[in-house]
Amino acid sequence: MKATLPAAVIENKYSLTRHAKKRVIERLGVISEQAINHVNQLMQTAYLQGHTKGRHGFCRVYDHPKTKTRLIVANDCDKIITVYKFPESVDKTGIRTDFLRPLLEREKRKIDRHYTRAIRKLELQYAENLRELADMAINRARARNPKTRELIAERMADRREEGERLTEKIERLQDEWKAKVKVIEVISE
């Protein structure tokens, strides 16, 4: 018996409210004469995402991932209430991620503050180390006893090694900082 029914009856299972028709025209760019046919074509391949409660009672929510469209259908009848176009922040699965952006920006600011403080502290230690190294160089130049000069030269070598360790720590922290910022940027995209 179904084979004898015309195709138009099966295709146009869903009807549109005036509001839904306006939304199809403005959000999907369809002319008004083709709105019902277009929506019925979408509904043939749309996926049921769940239910929601609105002014019309409980409604079914359908998503069409290819066109990035969400359709809200009345539960008691097959009348489409409204049509949404997913914003750019919705990925292929239909999950919105725009709410993460402020959180990720806040985390980035916290990371920036932490690493800025840590690096400045190490840079200050490095500057202090250089000043002590310069004082030792002056003392070595003033010293007349060869044993004293040798002793100061050994201490200067220790200071140089400490300075190199501090510069390595600074570079390591800067690399960690860049890596964490890169991760946050990747997540926010």
N, C-alpha and C. Protein backbone atom coordinates (compact mmCIF):
# COMPACT_ATOMS: atom_id res chain seq x y z
N MET A 1 0.81 -1.19 0.00
CA MET A 1 0.00 0.00 0.00
C MET A 1 0.86 1.26 0.00
N LYS A 2 2.00 1.22 0.71
CA LYS A 2 2.86 2.40 0.75
C LYS A 2 3.44 2.71 -0.62
N ALA A 3 3.66 1.71 -1.42
CA ALA A 3 4.22 1.92 -2.74
C ALA A 3 3.27 2.71 -3.63
N THR A 4 1.98 2.64 -3.38
CA THR A 4 1.01 3.35 -4.22
C THR A 4 0.85 4.81 -3.83
N LEU A 5 1.34 5.18 -2.62
CA LEU A 5 1.21 6.58 -2.20
C LEU A 5 2.18 7.45 -3.00
N PRO A 6 1.75 8.65 -3.35
CA PRO A 6 2.66 9.54 -4.08
C PRO A 6 3.84 9.95 -3.19
N ALA A 7 4.97 10.23 -3.84
CA ALA A 7 6.20 10.58 -3.12
C ALA A 7 6.04 11.87 -2.34
N ALA A 8 5.21 12.80 -2.83
CA ALA A 8 5.05 14.09 -2.17
C ALA A 8 4.44 13.94 -0.79
N VAL A 9 3.56 12.95 -0.59
CA VAL A 9 2.93 12.75 0.71
C VAL A 9 3.97 12.27 1.71
N ILE A 10 4.85 11.38 1.29
CA ILE A 10 5.87 10.85 2.19
C ILE A 10 6.92 11.92 2.48
N GLU A 11 7.31 12.70 1.47
CA GLU A 11 8.36 13.71 1.65
C GLU A 11 7.93 14.80 2.62
N ASN A 12 6.72 15.30 2.48
CA ASN A 12 6.28 16.43 3.29
C ASN A 12 5.57 15.96 4.55
N LYS A 13 6.28 15.17 5.32
CA LYS A 13 5.74 14.67 6.58
C LYS A 13 5.66 15.79 7.61
N TYR A 14 6.62 16.70 7.56
CA TYR A 14 6.71 17.77 8.55
C TYR A 14 6.15 19.06 7.99
N SER A 15 5.46 19.81 8.86
CA SER A 15 4.97 21.13 8.48
C SER A 15 5.75 22.17 9.29
N LEU A 16 5.63 23.41 8.88
CA LEU A 16 6.38 24.51 9.52
C LEU A 16 5.43 25.50 10.18
N THR A 17 5.85 26.02 11.32
CA THR A 17 5.14 27.16 11.89
C THR A 17 5.60 28.40 11.13
N ARG A 18 4.87 29.51 11.30
CA ARG A 18 5.29 30.75 10.63
C ARG A 18 6.69 31.16 11.08
N HIS A 19 6.92 31.01 12.38
CA HIS A 19 8.24 31.34 12.93
C HIS A 19 9.32 30.48 12.28
N ALA A 20 9.09 29.18 12.19
CA ALA A 20 10.08 28.28 11.61
C ALA A 20 10.33 28.63 10.14
N LYS A 21 9.28 28.99 9.42
CA LYS A 21 9.45 29.35 8.01
C LYS A 21 10.32 30.59 7.87
N LYS A 22 10.10 31.58 8.74
CA LYS A 22 10.94 32.79 8.72
C LYS A 22 12.40 32.44 9.01
N ARG A 23 12.60 31.55 9.98
CA ARG A 23 13.97 31.17 10.36
C ARG A 23 14.66 30.38 9.26
N VAL A 24 13.92 29.53 8.56
CA VAL A 24 14.50 28.78 7.44
C VAL A 24 14.94 29.75 6.35
N ILE A 25 14.12 30.75 6.10
CA ILE A 25 14.45 31.72 5.05
C ILE A 25 15.68 32.54 5.44
N GLU A 26 15.69 33.06 6.68
CA GLU A 26 16.80 33.94 7.07
C GLU A 26 18.08 33.20 7.46
N ARG A 27 17.96 32.02 8.07
CA ARG A 27 19.15 31.33 8.55
C ARG A 27 19.73 30.34 7.55
N LEU A 28 18.90 29.79 6.70
CA LEU A 28 19.39 28.81 5.74
C LEU A 28 19.43 29.36 4.31
N GLY A 29 18.85 30.52 4.09
CA GLY A 29 18.89 31.15 2.78
C GLY A 29 18.05 30.45 1.72
N VAL A 30 16.94 29.89 2.14
CA VAL A 30 16.05 29.17 1.23
C VAL A 30 14.88 30.10 0.90
N ILE A 31 14.40 30.06 -0.34
CA ILE A 31 13.24 30.89 -0.69
C ILE A 31 11.99 30.27 -0.07
N SER A 32 10.98 31.09 0.16
CA SER A 32 9.81 30.65 0.94
C SER A 32 9.04 29.50 0.28
N GLU A 33 9.02 29.44 -1.05
CA GLU A 33 8.30 28.36 -1.71
C GLU A 33 8.96 27.00 -1.49
N GLN A 34 10.24 26.98 -1.27
CA GLN A 34 10.97 25.72 -1.10
C GLN A 34 11.26 25.38 0.36
N ALA A 35 10.80 26.18 1.29
CA ALA A 35 11.14 25.99 2.70
C ALA A 35 10.67 24.65 3.23
N ILE A 36 9.42 24.28 2.96
CA ILE A 36 8.88 23.01 3.48
C ILE A 36 9.62 21.82 2.89
N ASN A 37 9.84 21.84 1.58
CA ASN A 37 10.57 20.74 0.94
C ASN A 37 12.00 20.64 1.46
N HIS A 38 12.64 21.78 1.63
CA HIS A 38 14.02 21.78 2.12
C HIS A 38 14.10 21.19 3.53
N VAL A 39 13.21 21.61 4.40
CA VAL A 39 13.21 21.11 5.78
C VAL A 39 12.91 19.61 5.81
N ASN A 40 11.99 19.15 4.98
CA ASN A 40 11.69 17.72 4.94
C ASN A 40 12.87 16.91 4.44
N GLN A 41 13.62 17.46 3.49
CA GLN A 41 14.84 16.78 3.04
C GLN A 41 15.87 16.71 4.16
N LEU A 42 15.99 17.79 4.91
CA LEU A 42 16.92 17.78 6.05
C LEU A 42 16.51 16.74 7.09
N MET A 43 15.22 16.66 7.36
CA MET A 43 14.73 15.75 8.40
C MET A 43 14.93 14.28 8.02
N GLN A 44 15.07 13.98 6.74
CA GLN A 44 15.29 12.59 6.32
C GLN A 44 16.66 12.08 6.78
N THR A 45 17.63 12.98 6.91
CA THR A 45 18.99 12.55 7.31
C THR A 45 19.43 13.15 8.64
N ALA A 46 18.51 13.81 9.34
CA ALA A 46 18.86 14.41 10.63
C ALA A 46 18.88 13.35 11.73
N TYR A 47 19.65 13.63 12.77
CA TYR A 47 19.79 12.71 13.90
C TYR A 47 19.06 13.27 15.12
N LEU A 48 18.33 12.42 15.80
CA LEU A 48 17.66 12.83 17.03
C LEU A 48 18.70 13.01 18.13
N GLN A 49 18.78 14.22 18.70
CA GLN A 49 19.75 14.50 19.74
C GLN A 49 19.15 14.40 21.14
N GLY A 50 17.87 14.60 21.25
CA GLY A 50 17.25 14.53 22.57
C GLY A 50 15.95 15.30 22.59
N HIS A 51 15.54 15.64 23.79
CA HIS A 51 14.29 16.36 23.99
C HIS A 51 14.57 17.62 24.80
N THR A 52 13.71 18.59 24.63
CA THR A 52 13.81 19.83 25.38
C THR A 52 12.40 20.30 25.73
N LYS A 53 12.29 21.16 26.72
CA LYS A 53 10.99 21.68 27.10
C LYS A 53 10.96 23.16 26.77
N GLY A 54 9.90 23.54 26.11
CA GLY A 54 9.73 24.94 25.73
C GLY A 54 8.29 25.36 25.89
N ARG A 55 7.90 26.43 25.21
CA ARG A 55 6.52 26.91 25.28
C ARG A 55 5.54 25.91 24.70
N HIS A 56 6.01 25.12 23.76
CA HIS A 56 5.13 24.15 23.09
C HIS A 56 5.14 22.81 23.80
N GLY A 57 5.62 22.75 25.02
CA GLY A 57 5.73 21.49 25.75
C GLY A 57 7.05 20.81 25.42
N PHE A 58 7.07 19.50 25.55
CA PHE A 58 8.29 18.77 25.22
C PHE A 58 8.45 18.70 23.71
N CYS A 59 9.68 18.95 23.26
CA CYS A 59 9.98 18.96 21.83
C CYS A 59 11.17 18.05 21.56
N ARG A 60 11.21 17.51 20.34
CA ARG A 60 12.35 16.71 19.92
C ARG A 60 13.38 17.63 19.26
N VAL A 61 14.65 17.34 19.51
CA VAL A 61 15.75 18.13 18.95
C VAL A 61 16.49 17.25 17.95
N TYR A 62 16.55 17.71 16.70
CA TYR A 62 17.27 17.00 15.65
C TYR A 62 18.44 17.84 15.18
N ASP A 63 19.56 17.18 14.90
CA ASP A 63 20.73 17.87 14.34
C ASP A 63 21.04 17.28 12.98
N HIS A 64 21.42 18.17 12.09
CA HIS A 64 21.85 17.75 10.76
C HIS A 64 23.31 18.22 10.63
N PRO A 65 24.29 17.30 10.81
CA PRO A 65 25.69 17.72 10.88
C PRO A 65 26.26 18.24 9.57
N LYS A 66 25.77 17.77 8.44
CA LYS A 66 26.33 18.24 7.16
C LYS A 66 26.04 19.71 6.93
N THR A 67 24.82 20.12 7.22
CA THR A 67 24.45 21.53 7.02
C THR A 67 24.61 22.34 8.30
N LYS A 68 25.03 21.68 9.37
CA LYS A 68 25.20 22.33 10.68
C LYS A 68 23.92 23.06 11.10
N THR A 69 22.83 22.30 11.10
CA THR A 69 21.50 22.83 11.39
C THR A 69 20.87 22.05 12.53
N ARG A 70 20.15 22.74 13.40
CA ARG A 70 19.39 22.11 14.47
C ARG A 70 17.92 22.44 14.25
N LEU A 71 17.08 21.41 14.32
CA LEU A 71 15.65 21.57 14.10
C LEU A 71 14.91 21.15 15.36
N ILE A 72 13.97 21.96 15.80
CA ILE A 72 13.16 21.66 16.97
C ILE A 72 11.75 21.30 16.48
N VAL A 73 11.29 20.10 16.86
CA VAL A 73 10.02 19.57 16.37
C VAL A 73 9.10 19.34 17.57
N ALA A 74 7.83 19.75 17.43
CA ALA A 74 6.85 19.53 18.49
C ALA A 74 6.66 18.04 18.70
N ASN A 75 6.53 17.62 19.93
CA ASN A 75 6.44 16.20 20.26
C ASN A 75 5.09 15.61 19.89
N ASP A 76 4.03 16.38 20.08
CA ASP A 76 2.68 15.84 19.85
C ASP A 76 2.31 15.78 18.37
N CYS A 77 2.91 16.61 17.55
CA CYS A 77 2.65 16.57 16.10
C CYS A 77 3.99 16.78 15.38
N ASP A 78 4.01 16.54 14.12
CA ASP A 78 5.25 16.68 13.36
C ASP A 78 5.34 18.09 12.78
N LYS A 79 5.31 19.07 13.67
CA LYS A 79 5.39 20.47 13.25
C LYS A 79 6.73 21.03 13.72
N ILE A 80 7.49 21.58 12.80
CA ILE A 80 8.80 22.15 13.13
C ILE A 80 8.57 23.54 13.71
N ILE A 81 9.11 23.75 14.91
CA ILE A 81 8.89 24.99 15.64
C ILE A 81 9.92 26.05 15.26
N THR A 82 11.18 25.65 15.20
CA THR A 82 12.23 26.60 14.84
C THR A 82 13.42 25.86 14.27
N VAL A 83 14.30 26.64 13.64
CA VAL A 83 15.50 26.10 13.00
C VAL A 83 16.67 26.98 13.40
N TYR A 84 17.77 26.34 13.82
CA TYR A 84 18.99 27.06 14.20
C TYR A 84 20.12 26.67 13.26
N LYS A 85 21.02 27.58 13.05
CA LYS A 85 22.26 27.30 12.34
C LYS A 85 23.34 27.29 13.40
N PHE A 86 24.16 26.21 13.43
CA PHE A 86 25.23 26.13 14.43
C PHE A 86 26.22 27.25 14.22
N PRO A 87 26.67 27.88 15.31
CA PRO A 87 27.74 28.87 15.16
C PRO A 87 29.04 28.17 14.82
N GLU A 88 30.07 28.94 14.50
CA GLU A 88 31.37 28.38 14.12
C GLU A 88 32.02 27.61 15.27
N SER A 89 31.59 27.87 16.50
CA SER A 89 32.21 27.21 17.65
C SER A 89 31.65 25.81 17.89
N VAL A 90 30.78 25.34 17.02
CA VAL A 90 30.24 24.00 17.17
C VAL A 90 31.02 23.08 16.24
N ASP A 91 31.54 22.00 16.78
CA ASP A 91 32.34 21.10 15.96
C ASP A 91 31.46 20.09 15.24
N LYS A 92 32.06 19.11 14.58
CA LYS A 92 31.34 18.15 13.74
C LYS A 92 30.34 17.32 14.54
N THR A 93 30.59 17.11 15.81
CA THR A 93 29.69 16.29 16.62
C THR A 93 28.50 17.09 17.12
N GLY A 94 28.48 18.40 16.90
CA GLY A 94 27.38 19.22 17.35
C GLY A 94 27.58 19.74 18.77
N ILE A 95 28.79 19.63 19.29
CA ILE A 95 29.07 20.06 20.65
C ILE A 95 29.62 21.49 20.61
N ARG A 96 29.02 22.34 21.42
CA ARG A 96 29.48 23.73 21.47
C ARG A 96 30.72 23.84 22.34
N THR A 97 31.69 24.62 21.89
CA THR A 97 32.92 24.79 22.64
C THR A 97 33.20 26.25 22.96
N ASP A 98 32.32 27.16 22.58
CA ASP A 98 32.59 28.57 22.80
C ASP A 98 32.61 28.94 24.28
N PHE A 99 31.96 28.15 25.13
CA PHE A 99 31.97 28.45 26.56
C PHE A 99 33.35 28.22 27.16
N LEU A 100 34.20 27.46 26.49
CA LEU A 100 35.55 27.19 27.00
C LEU A 100 36.50 28.37 26.79
N ARG A 101 36.22 29.21 25.82
CA ARG A 101 37.15 30.29 25.47
C ARG A 101 37.50 31.19 26.68
N PRO A 102 36.53 31.70 27.45
CA PRO A 102 36.90 32.53 28.61
C PRO A 102 37.72 31.76 29.64
N LEU A 103 37.36 30.50 29.85
CA LEU A 103 38.10 29.67 30.79
C LEU A 103 39.55 29.49 30.33
N LEU A 104 39.73 29.22 29.05
CA LEU A 104 41.09 29.03 28.52
C LEU A 104 41.89 30.32 28.56
N GLU A 105 41.23 31.45 28.29
CA GLU A 105 41.93 32.73 28.38
C GLU A 105 42.37 33.02 29.81
N ARG A 106 41.51 32.70 30.78
CA ARG A 106 41.87 32.89 32.18
C ARG A 106 43.05 31.99 32.56
N GLU A 107 43.02 30.73 32.11
CA GLU A 107 44.13 29.82 32.39
C GLU A 107 45.42 30.33 31.76
N LYS A 108 45.32 30.90 30.57
CA LYS A 108 46.51 31.44 29.89
C LYS A 108 47.08 32.61 30.70
N ARG A 109 46.21 33.46 31.21
CA ARG A 109 46.70 34.59 32.03
C ARG A 109 47.37 34.09 33.30
N LYS A 110 46.79 33.04 33.93
CA LYS A 110 47.41 32.47 35.14
C LYS A 110 48.79 31.89 34.83
N ILE A 111 48.88 31.19 33.71
CA ILE A 111 50.18 30.62 33.31
C ILE A 111 51.17 31.74 33.03
N ASP A 112 50.73 32.80 32.35
CA ASP A 112 51.62 33.93 32.06
C ASP A 112 52.14 34.55 33.36
N ARG A 113 51.24 34.75 34.33
CA ARG A 113 51.68 35.34 35.61
C ARG A 113 52.69 34.44 36.31
N HIS A 114 52.39 33.15 36.36
CA HIS A 114 53.28 32.21 37.07
C HIS A 114 54.68 32.19 36.45
N TYR A 115 54.73 32.02 35.13
CA TYR A 115 56.04 31.92 34.49
C TYR A 115 56.78 33.25 34.46
N THR A 116 56.06 34.35 34.36
CA THR A 116 56.73 35.66 34.40
C THR A 116 57.41 35.85 35.75
N ARG A 117 56.71 35.54 36.84
CA ARG A 117 57.31 35.66 38.17
C ARG A 117 58.52 34.76 38.32
N ALA A 118 58.38 33.51 37.94
CA ALA A 118 59.46 32.54 38.11
C ALA A 118 60.69 32.94 37.30
N ILE A 119 60.48 33.38 36.07
CA ILE A 119 61.60 33.77 35.21
C ILE A 119 62.27 35.03 35.74
N ARG A 120 61.49 35.99 36.20
CA ARG A 120 62.09 37.22 36.76
C ARG A 120 62.92 36.91 38.00
N LYS A 121 62.43 36.00 38.82
CA LYS A 121 63.18 35.62 40.02
C LYS A 121 64.53 35.00 39.63
N LEU A 122 64.51 34.12 38.65
CA LEU A 122 65.75 33.50 38.19
C LEU A 122 66.68 34.52 37.52
N GLU A 123 66.09 35.45 36.78
CA GLU A 123 66.92 36.49 36.15
C GLU A 123 67.57 37.37 37.20
N LEU A 124 66.86 37.65 38.28
CA LEU A 124 67.44 38.43 39.37
C LEU A 124 68.59 37.67 40.03
N GLN A 125 68.40 36.37 40.25
CA GLN A 125 69.49 35.55 40.80
C GLN A 125 70.69 35.54 39.86
N TYR A 126 70.44 35.47 38.57
CA TYR A 126 71.51 35.48 37.57
C TYR A 126 72.26 36.81 37.61
N ALA A 127 71.52 37.91 37.73
CA ALA A 127 72.16 39.24 37.81
C ALA A 127 73.01 39.36 39.07
N GLU A 128 72.48 38.86 40.19
CA GLU A 128 73.26 38.87 41.44
C GLU A 128 74.54 38.04 41.27
N ASN A 129 74.40 36.90 40.62
CA ASN A 129 75.55 36.04 40.37
C ASN A 129 76.60 36.76 39.53
N LEU A 130 76.16 37.48 38.50
CA LEU A 130 77.09 38.23 37.64
C LEU A 130 77.78 39.35 38.43
N ARG A 131 77.02 40.00 39.32
CA ARG A 131 77.63 41.06 40.12
C ARG A 131 78.71 40.49 41.04
N GLU A 132 78.41 39.34 41.68
CA GLU A 132 79.41 38.70 42.54
C GLU A 132 80.62 38.24 41.73
N LEU A 133 80.36 37.76 40.51
CA LEU A 133 81.45 37.35 39.64
C LEU A 133 82.33 38.55 39.27
N ALA A 134 81.67 39.69 39.00
CA ALA A 134 82.43 40.91 38.69
C ALA A 134 83.25 41.37 39.91
N ASP A 135 82.68 41.30 41.11
CA ASP A 135 83.43 41.66 42.32
C ASP A 135 84.63 40.74 42.51
N MET A 136 84.42 39.45 42.24
CA MET A 136 85.54 38.49 42.37
C MET A 136 86.63 38.80 41.34
N ALA A 137 86.23 39.21 40.16
CA ALA A 137 87.23 39.55 39.12
C ALA A 137 88.04 40.76 39.55
N ILE A 138 87.36 41.72 40.17
CA ILE A 138 88.08 42.91 40.65
C ILE A 138 89.03 42.51 41.77
N ASN A 139 88.56 41.68 42.71
CA ASN A 139 89.42 41.22 43.81
C ASN A 139 90.61 40.41 43.29
N ARG A 140 90.38 39.61 42.29
CA ARG A 140 91.47 38.80 41.72
C ARG A 140 92.51 39.71 41.08
N ALA A 141 92.02 40.75 40.38
CA ALA A 141 92.95 41.67 39.74
C ALA A 141 93.77 42.45 40.77
N ARG A 142 93.21 42.71 41.93
CA ARG A 142 93.90 43.47 42.98
C ARG A 142 94.84 42.58 43.81
N ALA A 143 94.55 41.28 43.83
CA ALA A 143 95.34 40.37 44.67
C ALA A 143 96.76 40.24 44.13
N ARG A 144 97.75 40.19 45.07
CA ARG A 144 99.15 40.07 44.67
C ARG A 144 99.67 38.66 44.89
N ASN A 145 99.08 37.99 45.86
CA ASN A 145 99.53 36.64 46.19
C ASN A 145 98.99 35.66 45.13
N PRO A 146 99.86 34.85 44.53
CA PRO A 146 99.41 33.92 43.50
C PRO A 146 98.42 32.88 44.03
N LYS A 147 98.57 32.44 45.28
CA LYS A 147 97.64 31.47 45.84
C LYS A 147 96.25 32.09 46.01
N THR A 148 96.19 33.35 46.42
CA THR A 148 94.92 34.04 46.57
C THR A 148 94.25 34.19 45.21
N ARG A 149 95.04 34.55 44.20
CA ARG A 149 94.52 34.70 42.84
C ARG A 149 93.94 33.37 42.35
N GLU A 150 94.64 32.27 42.65
CA GLU A 150 94.19 30.94 42.23
C GLU A 150 92.89 30.56 42.95
N LEU A 151 92.84 30.85 44.24
CA LEU A 151 91.64 30.55 45.02
C LEU A 151 90.43 31.34 44.48
N ILE A 152 90.64 32.63 44.18
CA ILE A 152 89.55 33.46 43.63
C ILE A 152 89.14 32.94 42.25
N ALA A 153 90.09 32.51 41.45
CA ALA A 153 89.79 31.97 40.11
C ALA A 153 88.93 30.71 40.22
N GLU A 154 89.18 29.85 41.23
CA GLU A 154 88.36 28.65 41.43
C GLU A 154 86.93 29.03 41.81
N ARG A 155 86.81 30.02 42.70
CA ARG A 155 85.48 30.47 43.10
C ARG A 155 84.74 31.11 41.92
N MET A 156 85.49 31.81 41.08
CA MET A 156 84.88 32.41 39.89
C MET A 156 84.35 31.32 38.94
N ALA A 157 85.09 30.23 38.82
CA ALA A 157 84.65 29.12 37.97
C ALA A 157 83.34 28.53 38.50
N ASP A 158 83.25 28.42 39.85
CA ASP A 158 82.00 27.93 40.45
C ASP A 158 80.83 28.87 40.15
N ARG A 159 81.10 30.18 40.23
CA ARG A 159 80.06 31.17 39.94
C ARG A 159 79.61 31.09 38.48
N ARG A 160 80.58 30.89 37.58
CA ARG A 160 80.22 30.76 36.16
C ARG A 160 79.32 29.55 35.94
N GLU A 161 79.65 28.42 36.59
CA GLU A 161 78.82 27.22 36.46
C GLU A 161 77.42 27.47 37.00
N GLU A 162 77.33 28.17 38.12
CA GLU A 162 76.02 28.49 38.68
C GLU A 162 75.24 29.39 37.73
N GLY A 163 75.93 30.33 37.10
CA GLY A 163 75.28 31.21 36.11
C GLY A 163 74.75 30.42 34.92
N GLU A 164 75.54 29.43 34.47
CA GLU A 164 75.09 28.59 33.36
C GLU A 164 73.86 27.77 33.76
N ARG A 165 73.85 27.26 34.99
CA ARG A 165 72.69 26.51 35.46
C ARG A 165 71.45 27.40 35.51
N LEU A 166 71.64 28.64 35.96
CA LEU A 166 70.50 29.57 36.01
C LEU A 166 69.97 29.88 34.61
N THR A 167 70.88 30.09 33.64
CA THR A 167 70.41 30.37 32.28
C THR A 167 69.69 29.16 31.69
N GLU A 168 70.16 27.94 32.01
CA GLU A 168 69.47 26.73 31.55
C GLU A 168 68.07 26.64 32.16
N LYS A 169 67.96 26.97 33.46
CA LYS A 169 66.65 26.95 34.10
C LYS A 169 65.71 27.96 33.45
N ILE A 170 66.24 29.15 33.17
CA ILE A 170 65.43 30.19 32.54
C ILE A 170 64.94 29.72 31.17
N GLU A 171 65.85 29.14 30.38
CA GLU A 171 65.46 28.66 29.05
C GLU A 171 64.44 27.53 29.15
N ARG A 172 64.62 26.64 30.12
CA ARG A 172 63.68 25.54 30.30
C ARG A 172 62.29 26.07 30.67
N LEU A 173 62.25 27.04 31.58
CA LEU A 173 60.96 27.63 31.96
C LEU A 173 60.29 28.32 30.77
N GLN A 174 61.09 29.02 29.97
CA GLN A 174 60.52 29.69 28.80
C GLN A 174 59.96 28.67 27.81
N ASP A 175 60.64 27.54 27.63
CA ASP A 175 60.14 26.49 26.74
C ASP A 175 58.84 25.88 27.28
N GLU A 176 58.79 25.62 28.59
CA GLU A 176 57.56 25.10 29.21
C GLU A 176 56.41 26.07 29.02
N TRP A 177 56.70 27.35 29.22
CA TRP A 177 55.70 28.39 29.08
C TRP A 177 55.13 28.39 27.66
N LYS A 178 56.01 28.38 26.67
CA LYS A 178 55.57 28.38 25.28
C LYS A 178 54.74 27.13 24.96
N ALA A 179 55.17 25.98 25.49
CA ALA A 179 54.45 24.73 25.23
C ALA A 179 53.04 24.77 25.82
N LYS A 180 52.92 25.27 27.06
CA LYS A 180 51.59 25.34 27.69
C LYS A 180 50.68 26.32 26.98
N VAL A 181 51.23 27.45 26.55
CA VAL A 181 50.43 28.43 25.80
C VAL A 181 49.99 27.83 24.47
N LYS A 182 50.87 27.08 23.82
CA LYS A 182 50.53 26.43 22.55
C LYS A 182 49.39 25.43 22.75
N VAL A 183 49.44 24.66 23.84
CA VAL A 183 48.37 23.69 24.12
C VAL A 183 47.04 24.41 24.30
N ILE A 184 47.05 25.51 25.03
CA ILE A 184 45.81 26.25 25.26
C ILE A 184 45.29 26.82 23.94
N GLU A 185 46.19 27.31 23.07
CA GLU A 185 45.76 27.83 21.78
C GLU A 185 45.15 26.74 20.92
N VAL A 186 45.74 25.54 20.95
CA VAL A 186 45.21 24.42 20.18
C VAL A 186 43.83 24.03 20.69
N ILE A 187 43.67 23.99 22.00
CA ILE A 187 42.38 23.62 22.59
C ILE A 187 41.31 24.64 22.24
N SER A 188 41.68 25.92 22.28
CA SER A 188 40.69 26.97 22.03
C SER A 188 40.27 27.05 20.56
N GLU A 189 41.04 26.47 19.66
CA GLU A 189 40.64 26.45 18.25
C GLU A 189 39.65 25.38 18.07
